[in-house]
N, C-alpha and C. Protein backbone atom coordinates (compact mmCIF):
# COMPACT_ATOMS: atom_id res chain seq x y z
N MET A 1 -13.00 -7.61 6.36
CA MET A 1 -13.22 -6.36 5.69
C MET A 1 -14.71 -6.05 5.71
N PRO A 2 -15.07 -4.79 6.09
CA PRO A 2 -16.50 -4.47 6.16
C PRO A 2 -17.12 -4.41 4.77
N LYS A 3 -18.38 -4.72 4.73
CA LYS A 3 -19.11 -4.73 3.47
C LYS A 3 -19.41 -3.30 3.02
N MET A 4 -19.22 -3.02 1.72
CA MET A 4 -19.44 -1.69 1.16
C MET A 4 -20.92 -1.51 0.86
N SER A 5 -21.43 -0.32 1.18
CA SER A 5 -22.84 -0.06 0.92
C SER A 5 -23.05 0.15 -0.59
N THR A 6 -24.26 0.01 -1.02
CA THR A 6 -24.60 0.18 -2.43
C THR A 6 -24.32 1.61 -2.88
N ALA A 7 -24.62 2.59 -2.05
CA ALA A 7 -24.38 3.99 -2.39
C ALA A 7 -22.88 4.26 -2.56
N ASP A 8 -22.06 3.70 -1.64
CA ASP A 8 -20.60 3.89 -1.74
C ASP A 8 -20.06 3.23 -3.01
N LEU A 9 -20.58 2.04 -3.34
CA LEU A 9 -20.14 1.34 -4.54
C LEU A 9 -20.51 2.13 -5.80
N LYS A 10 -21.74 2.68 -5.83
CA LYS A 10 -22.16 3.49 -6.98
C LYS A 10 -21.29 4.74 -7.12
N ALA A 11 -20.96 5.38 -6.00
CA ALA A 11 -20.13 6.58 -6.03
C ALA A 11 -18.73 6.26 -6.53
N MET A 12 -18.17 5.14 -6.06
CA MET A 12 -16.83 4.74 -6.48
C MET A 12 -16.82 4.40 -7.97
N LEU A 13 -17.81 3.66 -8.44
CA LEU A 13 -17.88 3.31 -9.86
C LEU A 13 -18.10 4.54 -10.74
N SER A 14 -18.90 5.48 -10.26
CA SER A 14 -19.13 6.71 -11.01
C SER A 14 -17.84 7.52 -11.13
N ALA A 15 -17.07 7.59 -10.05
CA ALA A 15 -15.79 8.32 -10.08
C ALA A 15 -14.82 7.65 -11.04
N GLU A 16 -14.76 6.32 -11.01
CA GLU A 16 -13.87 5.60 -11.93
C GLU A 16 -14.29 5.79 -13.38
N LYS A 17 -15.60 5.79 -13.63
CA LYS A 17 -16.11 6.01 -14.98
C LYS A 17 -15.74 7.41 -15.47
N ASN A 18 -15.92 8.42 -14.59
CA ASN A 18 -15.57 9.79 -14.96
C ASN A 18 -14.08 9.93 -15.26
N ASP A 19 -13.23 9.27 -14.46
CA ASP A 19 -11.79 9.31 -14.70
C ASP A 19 -11.45 8.68 -16.05
N ALA A 20 -12.09 7.55 -16.36
CA ALA A 20 -11.83 6.87 -17.62
C ALA A 20 -12.28 7.73 -18.81
N LEU A 21 -13.44 8.36 -18.69
CA LEU A 21 -13.93 9.22 -19.77
C LEU A 21 -13.04 10.46 -19.94
N ALA A 22 -12.56 10.99 -18.83
CA ALA A 22 -11.66 12.15 -18.90
C ALA A 22 -10.37 11.77 -19.60
N ALA A 23 -9.83 10.61 -19.29
CA ALA A 23 -8.59 10.15 -19.93
C ALA A 23 -8.83 9.91 -21.42
N PHE A 24 -9.99 9.35 -21.75
CA PHE A 24 -10.32 9.11 -23.15
C PHE A 24 -10.44 10.43 -23.91
N SER A 25 -11.15 11.40 -23.32
CA SER A 25 -11.32 12.67 -24.01
C SER A 25 -10.00 13.43 -24.08
N ALA A 26 -9.13 13.29 -23.08
CA ALA A 26 -7.82 13.93 -23.13
C ALA A 26 -6.97 13.32 -24.25
N ALA A 27 -7.04 12.01 -24.41
CA ALA A 27 -6.29 11.35 -25.48
C ALA A 27 -6.84 11.77 -26.85
N GLU A 28 -8.16 11.87 -26.93
CA GLU A 28 -8.79 12.30 -28.17
C GLU A 28 -8.39 13.74 -28.51
N LEU A 29 -8.36 14.60 -27.49
CA LEU A 29 -7.97 15.99 -27.69
C LEU A 29 -6.50 16.09 -28.11
N ALA A 30 -5.65 15.27 -27.51
CA ALA A 30 -4.22 15.27 -27.88
C ALA A 30 -4.05 14.85 -29.33
N GLU A 31 -4.84 13.87 -29.76
CA GLU A 31 -4.76 13.42 -31.16
C GLU A 31 -5.25 14.52 -32.11
N GLU A 32 -6.34 15.20 -31.74
CA GLU A 32 -6.85 16.30 -32.56
C GLU A 32 -5.84 17.44 -32.65
N ARG A 33 -5.14 17.71 -31.53
CA ARG A 33 -4.11 18.77 -31.54
C ARG A 33 -2.94 18.38 -32.43
N ALA A 34 -2.54 17.12 -32.39
CA ALA A 34 -1.45 16.67 -33.25
C ALA A 34 -1.84 16.78 -34.73
N ASP A 35 -3.09 16.40 -35.03
CA ASP A 35 -3.58 16.54 -36.41
C ASP A 35 -3.60 18.01 -36.85
N ALA A 36 -4.06 18.88 -35.96
CA ALA A 36 -4.11 20.30 -36.28
C ALA A 36 -2.72 20.85 -36.56
N MET A 37 -1.73 20.43 -35.78
CA MET A 37 -0.35 20.89 -36.00
C MET A 37 0.18 20.37 -37.33
N ASP A 38 -0.14 19.11 -37.66
CA ASP A 38 0.26 18.57 -38.95
C ASP A 38 -0.36 19.37 -40.10
N TYR A 39 -1.64 19.67 -39.98
CA TYR A 39 -2.31 20.45 -41.03
C TYR A 39 -1.72 21.86 -41.12
N TYR A 40 -1.42 22.45 -39.98
CA TYR A 40 -0.82 23.78 -39.96
C TYR A 40 0.53 23.79 -40.67
N LEU A 41 1.31 22.73 -40.47
CA LEU A 41 2.63 22.62 -41.11
C LEU A 41 2.55 22.12 -42.55
N GLY A 42 1.35 21.75 -43.00
CA GLY A 42 1.17 21.32 -44.39
C GLY A 42 1.41 19.84 -44.62
N HIS A 43 1.53 19.06 -43.56
CA HIS A 43 1.75 17.61 -43.70
C HIS A 43 0.41 16.91 -43.93
N MET A 44 0.29 16.24 -45.07
CA MET A 44 -0.97 15.61 -45.43
C MET A 44 -0.84 14.09 -45.59
N GLN A 45 0.26 13.48 -45.13
CA GLN A 45 0.52 12.06 -45.38
C GLN A 45 -0.60 11.15 -44.89
N ARG A 46 -1.21 11.49 -43.75
CA ARG A 46 -2.22 10.60 -43.20
C ARG A 46 -3.50 10.61 -44.03
N ASP A 47 -3.92 11.79 -44.47
CA ASP A 47 -5.17 11.90 -45.22
C ASP A 47 -4.99 11.66 -46.72
N MET A 48 -3.81 11.99 -47.24
CA MET A 48 -3.55 11.83 -48.67
C MET A 48 -2.18 11.17 -48.84
N PRO A 49 -2.11 9.86 -48.62
CA PRO A 49 -0.81 9.20 -48.74
C PRO A 49 -0.31 9.24 -50.19
N ALA A 50 1.00 9.43 -50.31
CA ALA A 50 1.61 9.51 -51.65
C ALA A 50 1.95 8.11 -52.14
N GLN A 51 1.78 7.91 -53.44
CA GLN A 51 2.17 6.64 -54.03
C GLN A 51 3.68 6.61 -54.16
N GLU A 52 4.22 5.41 -54.22
CA GLU A 52 5.67 5.22 -54.33
C GLU A 52 6.17 5.94 -55.58
N GLY A 53 7.19 6.79 -55.40
CA GLY A 53 7.80 7.48 -56.52
C GLY A 53 7.04 8.71 -56.98
N ARG A 54 5.98 9.07 -56.30
CA ARG A 54 5.17 10.25 -56.70
C ARG A 54 5.34 11.36 -55.65
N SER A 55 5.06 12.56 -56.04
CA SER A 55 5.17 13.68 -55.10
C SER A 55 4.00 13.65 -54.12
N ARG A 56 4.22 14.28 -52.97
CA ARG A 56 3.21 14.30 -51.91
C ARG A 56 2.38 15.58 -51.99
N ALA A 57 1.16 15.49 -51.56
CA ALA A 57 0.29 16.67 -51.52
C ALA A 57 0.64 17.50 -50.29
N VAL A 58 0.67 18.81 -50.49
CA VAL A 58 0.93 19.75 -49.40
C VAL A 58 -0.14 20.82 -49.48
N SER A 59 -0.78 21.07 -48.34
CA SER A 59 -1.80 22.11 -48.28
C SER A 59 -1.54 22.98 -47.05
N THR A 60 -1.48 24.28 -47.27
CA THR A 60 -1.25 25.20 -46.15
C THR A 60 -2.52 25.98 -45.82
N ASP A 61 -3.67 25.39 -46.12
CA ASP A 61 -4.94 26.08 -45.87
C ASP A 61 -5.13 26.43 -44.40
N VAL A 62 -4.79 25.51 -43.49
CA VAL A 62 -4.96 25.78 -42.06
C VAL A 62 -4.05 26.91 -41.62
N ALA A 63 -2.78 26.86 -42.03
CA ALA A 63 -1.84 27.92 -41.68
C ALA A 63 -2.29 29.25 -42.28
N ASP A 64 -2.73 29.23 -43.53
CA ASP A 64 -3.18 30.46 -44.18
C ASP A 64 -4.39 31.05 -43.46
N THR A 65 -5.30 30.20 -43.03
CA THR A 65 -6.50 30.68 -42.33
C THR A 65 -6.14 31.29 -40.98
N ILE A 66 -5.32 30.57 -40.22
CA ILE A 66 -4.94 31.07 -38.89
C ILE A 66 -4.15 32.37 -39.02
N GLU A 67 -3.16 32.38 -39.91
CA GLU A 67 -2.35 33.60 -40.08
C GLU A 67 -3.18 34.75 -40.65
N GLY A 68 -4.21 34.44 -41.43
CA GLY A 68 -5.09 35.48 -41.94
C GLY A 68 -6.01 36.06 -40.87
N LEU A 69 -6.39 35.23 -39.89
CA LEU A 69 -7.25 35.70 -38.81
C LEU A 69 -6.50 36.51 -37.76
N MET A 70 -5.22 36.22 -37.57
CA MET A 70 -4.45 36.83 -36.48
C MET A 70 -4.45 38.36 -36.50
N PRO A 71 -4.21 39.02 -37.64
CA PRO A 71 -4.21 40.49 -37.59
C PRO A 71 -5.56 41.08 -37.15
N HIS A 72 -6.65 40.48 -37.61
CA HIS A 72 -7.97 40.98 -37.24
C HIS A 72 -8.25 40.76 -35.76
N LEU A 73 -7.89 39.58 -35.24
CA LEU A 73 -8.12 39.30 -33.83
C LEU A 73 -7.21 40.17 -32.95
N MET A 74 -5.97 40.38 -33.38
CA MET A 74 -5.07 41.24 -32.60
C MET A 74 -5.57 42.68 -32.61
N ASP A 75 -6.17 43.10 -33.70
CA ASP A 75 -6.73 44.45 -33.76
C ASP A 75 -7.89 44.58 -32.77
N VAL A 76 -8.70 43.55 -32.65
CA VAL A 76 -9.82 43.57 -31.71
C VAL A 76 -9.32 43.64 -30.27
N PHE A 77 -8.34 42.79 -29.93
CA PHE A 77 -7.92 42.67 -28.54
C PHE A 77 -6.81 43.63 -28.13
N ALA A 78 -5.98 44.08 -29.06
CA ALA A 78 -4.84 44.93 -28.70
C ALA A 78 -4.71 46.15 -29.59
N GLY A 79 -5.76 46.48 -30.31
CA GLY A 79 -5.67 47.56 -31.28
C GLY A 79 -5.89 48.95 -30.73
N SER A 80 -6.19 49.09 -29.46
CA SER A 80 -6.39 50.42 -28.90
C SER A 80 -5.44 50.63 -27.74
N ASP A 81 -5.48 51.81 -27.16
CA ASP A 81 -4.62 52.11 -26.01
C ASP A 81 -5.09 51.38 -24.77
N GLU A 82 -6.34 50.97 -24.76
CA GLU A 82 -6.90 50.29 -23.59
C GLU A 82 -7.20 48.83 -23.93
N VAL A 83 -6.39 47.94 -23.42
CA VAL A 83 -6.66 46.51 -23.56
C VAL A 83 -7.74 46.12 -22.55
N VAL A 84 -7.71 46.79 -21.40
CA VAL A 84 -8.66 46.54 -20.33
C VAL A 84 -9.26 47.87 -19.92
N ARG A 85 -10.55 47.88 -19.62
CA ARG A 85 -11.17 49.11 -19.13
C ARG A 85 -12.06 48.77 -17.94
N PHE A 86 -11.89 49.50 -16.85
CA PHE A 86 -12.73 49.36 -15.68
C PHE A 86 -13.86 50.37 -15.78
N GLU A 87 -15.08 49.90 -15.61
CA GLU A 87 -16.25 50.77 -15.68
C GLU A 87 -16.64 51.19 -14.27
N PRO A 88 -16.92 52.47 -14.07
CA PRO A 88 -17.35 52.92 -12.74
C PRO A 88 -18.76 52.44 -12.43
N VAL A 89 -18.99 52.15 -11.17
CA VAL A 89 -20.33 51.72 -10.74
C VAL A 89 -21.21 52.94 -10.55
N GLY A 90 -20.65 54.00 -9.98
CA GLY A 90 -21.38 55.23 -9.76
C GLY A 90 -20.50 56.43 -10.10
N PRO A 91 -21.04 57.63 -10.01
CA PRO A 91 -20.25 58.82 -10.34
C PRO A 91 -19.03 58.99 -9.45
N GLU A 92 -19.11 58.52 -8.21
CA GLU A 92 -17.98 58.65 -7.30
C GLU A 92 -16.83 57.70 -7.65
N ASP A 93 -17.08 56.73 -8.52
CA ASP A 93 -16.06 55.75 -8.90
C ASP A 93 -15.32 56.09 -10.19
N GLU A 94 -15.68 57.19 -10.84
CA GLU A 94 -15.10 57.50 -12.15
C GLU A 94 -13.59 57.70 -12.10
N ALA A 95 -13.12 58.44 -11.12
CA ALA A 95 -11.68 58.71 -11.02
C ALA A 95 -10.92 57.41 -10.71
N ALA A 96 -11.44 56.61 -9.81
CA ALA A 96 -10.78 55.35 -9.46
C ALA A 96 -10.76 54.39 -10.65
N ALA A 97 -11.87 54.32 -11.38
CA ALA A 97 -11.94 53.43 -12.55
C ALA A 97 -10.94 53.86 -13.62
N ALA A 98 -10.80 55.16 -13.83
CA ALA A 98 -9.84 55.66 -14.82
C ALA A 98 -8.41 55.34 -14.38
N GLN A 99 -8.13 55.50 -13.09
CA GLN A 99 -6.78 55.20 -12.58
C GLN A 99 -6.50 53.70 -12.68
N GLU A 100 -7.45 52.86 -12.33
CA GLU A 100 -7.26 51.41 -12.43
C GLU A 100 -7.05 50.99 -13.88
N THR A 101 -7.80 51.59 -14.79
CA THR A 101 -7.64 51.29 -16.22
C THR A 101 -6.24 51.63 -16.69
N ASP A 102 -5.79 52.84 -16.35
CA ASP A 102 -4.44 53.26 -16.75
C ASP A 102 -3.37 52.34 -16.17
N TYR A 103 -3.51 52.00 -14.89
CA TYR A 103 -2.49 51.18 -14.22
C TYR A 103 -2.41 49.78 -14.82
N VAL A 104 -3.55 49.12 -14.98
CA VAL A 104 -3.56 47.75 -15.50
C VAL A 104 -3.05 47.71 -16.94
N ASN A 105 -3.44 48.68 -17.75
CA ASN A 105 -2.92 48.73 -19.12
C ASN A 105 -1.42 48.97 -19.14
N HIS A 106 -0.92 49.83 -18.26
CA HIS A 106 0.52 50.08 -18.18
C HIS A 106 1.28 48.81 -17.77
N VAL A 107 0.79 48.12 -16.76
CA VAL A 107 1.46 46.90 -16.30
C VAL A 107 1.44 45.84 -17.39
N PHE A 108 0.30 45.67 -18.04
CA PHE A 108 0.18 44.61 -19.05
C PHE A 108 0.98 44.91 -20.32
N MET A 109 0.88 46.14 -20.82
CA MET A 109 1.51 46.46 -22.10
C MET A 109 2.92 47.02 -21.99
N GLN A 110 3.26 47.71 -20.90
CA GLN A 110 4.57 48.34 -20.79
C GLN A 110 5.54 47.51 -19.94
N GLN A 111 5.11 47.08 -18.76
CA GLN A 111 6.00 46.33 -17.88
C GLN A 111 6.09 44.86 -18.29
N ASN A 112 5.16 44.40 -19.07
CA ASN A 112 5.14 43.02 -19.56
C ASN A 112 4.96 43.06 -21.08
N PRO A 113 5.32 41.97 -21.77
CA PRO A 113 5.11 41.95 -23.23
C PRO A 113 3.67 41.59 -23.57
N GLY A 114 2.74 42.51 -23.27
CA GLY A 114 1.32 42.24 -23.42
C GLY A 114 0.90 41.85 -24.82
N PHE A 115 1.46 42.52 -25.84
CA PHE A 115 1.09 42.20 -27.21
C PHE A 115 1.46 40.76 -27.55
N MET A 116 2.67 40.35 -27.19
CA MET A 116 3.13 38.99 -27.51
C MET A 116 2.37 37.94 -26.68
N ILE A 117 2.01 38.28 -25.46
CA ILE A 117 1.21 37.36 -24.64
C ILE A 117 -0.14 37.11 -25.32
N LEU A 118 -0.81 38.19 -25.74
CA LEU A 118 -2.09 38.04 -26.43
C LEU A 118 -1.93 37.28 -27.74
N TYR A 119 -0.88 37.60 -28.49
CA TYR A 119 -0.65 36.95 -29.78
C TYR A 119 -0.50 35.44 -29.62
N SER A 120 0.38 35.00 -28.71
CA SER A 120 0.58 33.56 -28.54
C SER A 120 -0.64 32.89 -27.93
N PHE A 121 -1.36 33.58 -27.04
CA PHE A 121 -2.58 33.04 -26.44
C PHE A 121 -3.64 32.78 -27.51
N ILE A 122 -3.87 33.76 -28.38
CA ILE A 122 -4.89 33.64 -29.42
C ILE A 122 -4.49 32.59 -30.45
N LYS A 123 -3.22 32.59 -30.85
CA LYS A 123 -2.77 31.62 -31.84
C LYS A 123 -2.86 30.19 -31.29
N ASP A 124 -2.48 30.00 -30.04
CA ASP A 124 -2.63 28.68 -29.41
C ASP A 124 -4.09 28.25 -29.37
N ALA A 125 -4.98 29.19 -29.07
CA ALA A 125 -6.40 28.86 -29.02
C ALA A 125 -6.92 28.43 -30.38
N LEU A 126 -6.48 29.12 -31.45
CA LEU A 126 -6.92 28.75 -32.80
C LEU A 126 -6.34 27.40 -33.23
N LEU A 127 -5.10 27.16 -32.88
CA LEU A 127 -4.43 25.95 -33.34
C LEU A 127 -4.68 24.74 -32.46
N SER A 128 -4.69 24.93 -31.15
CA SER A 128 -4.75 23.80 -30.22
C SER A 128 -6.07 23.68 -29.48
N LYS A 129 -7.03 24.52 -29.77
CA LYS A 129 -8.33 24.54 -29.13
C LYS A 129 -8.30 25.09 -27.71
N VAL A 130 -7.11 25.38 -27.19
CA VAL A 130 -6.98 25.93 -25.85
C VAL A 130 -5.84 26.94 -25.87
N GLY A 131 -6.10 28.13 -25.36
CA GLY A 131 -5.05 29.12 -25.16
C GLY A 131 -4.89 29.35 -23.67
N ILE A 132 -3.68 29.27 -23.18
CA ILE A 132 -3.44 29.38 -21.75
C ILE A 132 -2.44 30.49 -21.49
N VAL A 133 -2.73 31.31 -20.49
CA VAL A 133 -1.82 32.36 -20.05
C VAL A 133 -1.62 32.16 -18.55
N LYS A 134 -0.37 32.09 -18.14
CA LYS A 134 -0.06 31.96 -16.72
C LYS A 134 0.19 33.36 -16.17
N VAL A 135 -0.44 33.69 -15.06
CA VAL A 135 -0.31 34.99 -14.44
C VAL A 135 0.19 34.80 -13.02
N TRP A 136 1.17 35.61 -12.62
CA TRP A 136 1.65 35.55 -11.26
C TRP A 136 2.19 36.91 -10.85
N TRP A 137 2.34 37.07 -9.57
CA TRP A 137 2.84 38.30 -8.98
C TRP A 137 4.14 37.94 -8.30
N GLU A 138 5.16 38.70 -8.57
CA GLU A 138 6.46 38.40 -8.01
C GLU A 138 6.98 39.62 -7.25
N GLU A 139 7.33 39.39 -6.00
CA GLU A 139 7.93 40.45 -5.20
C GLU A 139 9.36 40.05 -4.89
N ARG A 140 10.26 41.00 -5.05
CA ARG A 140 11.65 40.73 -4.70
C ARG A 140 12.26 42.00 -4.13
N GLU A 141 13.22 41.79 -3.30
CA GLU A 141 13.89 42.90 -2.66
C GLU A 141 15.23 43.10 -3.35
N GLU A 142 15.48 44.31 -3.77
CA GLU A 142 16.73 44.61 -4.44
C GLU A 142 17.57 45.50 -3.53
N LYS A 143 18.83 45.15 -3.42
CA LYS A 143 19.75 45.95 -2.63
C LYS A 143 20.60 46.80 -3.56
N GLU A 144 20.83 48.00 -3.13
CA GLU A 144 21.64 48.93 -3.90
C GLU A 144 22.71 49.50 -2.98
N ARG A 145 23.91 49.57 -3.47
CA ARG A 145 25.01 50.08 -2.67
C ARG A 145 25.52 51.37 -3.30
N GLU A 146 25.70 52.39 -2.47
CA GLU A 146 26.21 53.68 -2.93
C GLU A 146 27.46 54.02 -2.14
N THR A 147 28.43 54.58 -2.80
CA THR A 147 29.68 55.00 -2.15
C THR A 147 29.86 56.50 -2.38
N TYR A 148 30.15 57.22 -1.32
CA TYR A 148 30.36 58.67 -1.38
C TYR A 148 31.80 58.96 -0.96
N TYR A 149 32.46 59.80 -1.70
CA TYR A 149 33.84 60.20 -1.40
C TYR A 149 33.90 61.69 -1.11
N ASP A 150 34.86 62.06 -0.30
CA ASP A 150 35.17 63.47 -0.02
C ASP A 150 33.97 64.26 0.46
N LEU A 151 33.24 63.71 1.43
CA LEU A 151 32.08 64.41 1.99
C LEU A 151 32.52 65.37 3.08
N THR A 152 31.82 66.49 3.15
CA THR A 152 32.03 67.39 4.28
C THR A 152 31.24 66.84 5.47
N ASP A 153 31.48 67.40 6.64
CA ASP A 153 30.75 66.95 7.83
C ASP A 153 29.26 67.17 7.68
N ASP A 154 28.87 68.28 7.06
CA ASP A 154 27.45 68.58 6.86
C ASP A 154 26.80 67.58 5.89
N GLN A 155 27.50 67.22 4.84
CA GLN A 155 26.97 66.25 3.87
C GLN A 155 26.81 64.88 4.53
N PHE A 156 27.80 64.48 5.31
CA PHE A 156 27.70 63.19 6.00
C PHE A 156 26.55 63.21 6.99
N ALA A 157 26.33 64.34 7.67
CA ALA A 157 25.23 64.45 8.63
C ALA A 157 23.89 64.30 7.93
N LEU A 158 23.76 64.86 6.72
CA LEU A 158 22.51 64.71 5.97
C LEU A 158 22.25 63.26 5.61
N ILE A 159 23.29 62.55 5.17
CA ILE A 159 23.13 61.13 4.84
C ILE A 159 22.78 60.33 6.08
N ALA A 160 23.45 60.60 7.19
CA ALA A 160 23.17 59.89 8.44
C ALA A 160 21.74 60.14 8.90
N GLN A 161 21.25 61.37 8.72
CA GLN A 161 19.88 61.69 9.08
C GLN A 161 18.89 60.91 8.20
N ALA A 162 19.16 60.84 6.90
CA ALA A 162 18.29 60.10 5.99
C ALA A 162 18.26 58.62 6.36
N VAL A 163 19.40 58.08 6.75
CA VAL A 163 19.48 56.67 7.16
C VAL A 163 18.64 56.46 8.42
N THR A 164 18.73 57.37 9.36
CA THR A 164 17.97 57.27 10.61
C THR A 164 16.47 57.33 10.32
N GLU A 165 16.06 58.22 9.42
CA GLU A 165 14.64 58.38 9.09
C GLU A 165 14.09 57.22 8.27
N SER A 166 14.96 56.44 7.63
CA SER A 166 14.48 55.33 6.78
C SER A 166 14.01 54.13 7.59
N GLU A 167 14.21 54.15 8.89
CA GLU A 167 13.75 53.08 9.79
C GLU A 167 14.19 51.70 9.34
N GLY A 168 15.47 51.55 9.08
CA GLY A 168 16.02 50.25 8.73
C GLY A 168 16.08 49.95 7.25
N ALA A 169 15.48 50.78 6.41
CA ALA A 169 15.52 50.54 4.97
C ALA A 169 16.92 50.81 4.42
N MET A 170 17.65 51.69 5.08
CA MET A 170 19.03 51.99 4.67
C MET A 170 19.93 51.88 5.89
N LYS A 171 21.20 51.60 5.63
CA LYS A 171 22.16 51.61 6.73
C LYS A 171 23.54 51.98 6.19
N ILE A 172 24.32 52.56 7.07
CA ILE A 172 25.70 52.89 6.73
C ILE A 172 26.54 51.69 7.10
N VAL A 173 27.26 51.12 6.12
CA VAL A 173 28.05 49.92 6.38
C VAL A 173 29.52 50.23 6.63
N ALA A 174 29.97 51.40 6.21
CA ALA A 174 31.36 51.77 6.48
C ALA A 174 31.49 53.28 6.43
N HIS A 175 32.39 53.79 7.27
CA HIS A 175 32.66 55.24 7.27
C HIS A 175 34.09 55.42 7.72
N SER A 176 34.84 56.15 6.95
CA SER A 176 36.22 56.40 7.34
C SER A 176 36.60 57.83 7.03
N VAL A 177 37.56 58.35 7.79
CA VAL A 177 38.04 59.72 7.62
C VAL A 177 39.50 59.63 7.22
N HIS A 178 39.83 60.28 6.12
CA HIS A 178 41.20 60.33 5.62
C HIS A 178 41.67 61.78 5.71
N GLU A 179 42.78 61.98 6.31
CA GLU A 179 43.29 63.34 6.42
C GLU A 179 44.48 63.53 5.50
N ILE A 180 44.24 64.26 4.42
CA ILE A 180 45.29 64.66 3.49
C ILE A 180 45.11 66.15 3.30
N GLY A 181 45.90 66.91 3.90
CA GLY A 181 45.68 68.35 3.86
C GLY A 181 44.42 68.67 4.60
N GLU A 182 43.32 68.83 3.89
CA GLU A 182 42.01 69.06 4.51
C GLU A 182 41.34 67.71 4.74
N ALA A 183 40.34 67.69 5.59
CA ALA A 183 39.65 66.44 5.90
C ALA A 183 38.83 65.98 4.71
N ALA A 184 38.96 64.70 4.36
CA ALA A 184 38.16 64.08 3.30
C ALA A 184 37.57 62.82 3.89
N GLU A 185 36.31 62.56 3.62
CA GLU A 185 35.64 61.41 4.22
C GLU A 185 35.10 60.48 3.13
N THR A 186 35.07 59.20 3.44
CA THR A 186 34.47 58.20 2.57
C THR A 186 33.36 57.50 3.36
N SER A 187 32.21 57.40 2.76
CA SER A 187 31.10 56.71 3.40
C SER A 187 30.46 55.78 2.40
N GLU A 188 29.91 54.67 2.86
CA GLU A 188 29.15 53.75 2.03
C GLU A 188 27.80 53.53 2.68
N ALA A 189 26.76 53.56 1.88
CA ALA A 189 25.42 53.33 2.39
C ALA A 189 24.74 52.30 1.50
N THR A 190 23.92 51.46 2.10
CA THR A 190 23.14 50.48 1.33
C THR A 190 21.68 50.70 1.64
N SER A 191 20.86 50.38 0.66
CA SER A 191 19.42 50.47 0.89
C SER A 191 18.76 49.22 0.37
C-alpha cells in the first residue's frame, strides 16, 4: 500500500472531524427541538419533576408566546394582496414587473394554499428553529374525451377541420353514421 502524504492525511482527518462535529451538532439540535416541543405542549417533567403523589407543574408559556406571535407575523408576510412584489429595474420594465407580481401572487395564493404554507413555515421556524418549504413544478398531460351526437355534415366538417389544425393535439377516435329517417351522426374526439 502506498504511503499517504501529510497533506492527504490532514485533509482526511479534517473531513472526519467536520463530519463528527456535524453529527454532534445535529444530535444537539434534535434534542433542543424535542425540548421545545415538550415546552410547547406544556410538559415540564424534566425541568420540574413532580414528587410522588403530588400534582405536576404545567406551563404553556412557550405555546402562548408562539401563538401570540403568529397573527402579527402572518400579517407581515400575508396581510396584503401582494405576498411577493417584483421591482422594475428601469421604466421599460414596469409593465413586466407588474405582470410578474400578479402572476406569482396568483399562483402562490390562489392555485396553492399560500396562506397555510406560510403559516406552517413560520410556526415550524419558531418552534423547531428551522422552517422548510418544498417547492416544485409539476407538468402533466390531461386527456379529455368529448362525444357529439346527431351532427350535420357541416358540423362534423368543422370538428374535423379543428382536429386537422390542432396538429396532433386532438384526434377523432370514432365516427359513425346512423340512418333513421334523416341522417344522424355520432362522433367522438379526444384532446
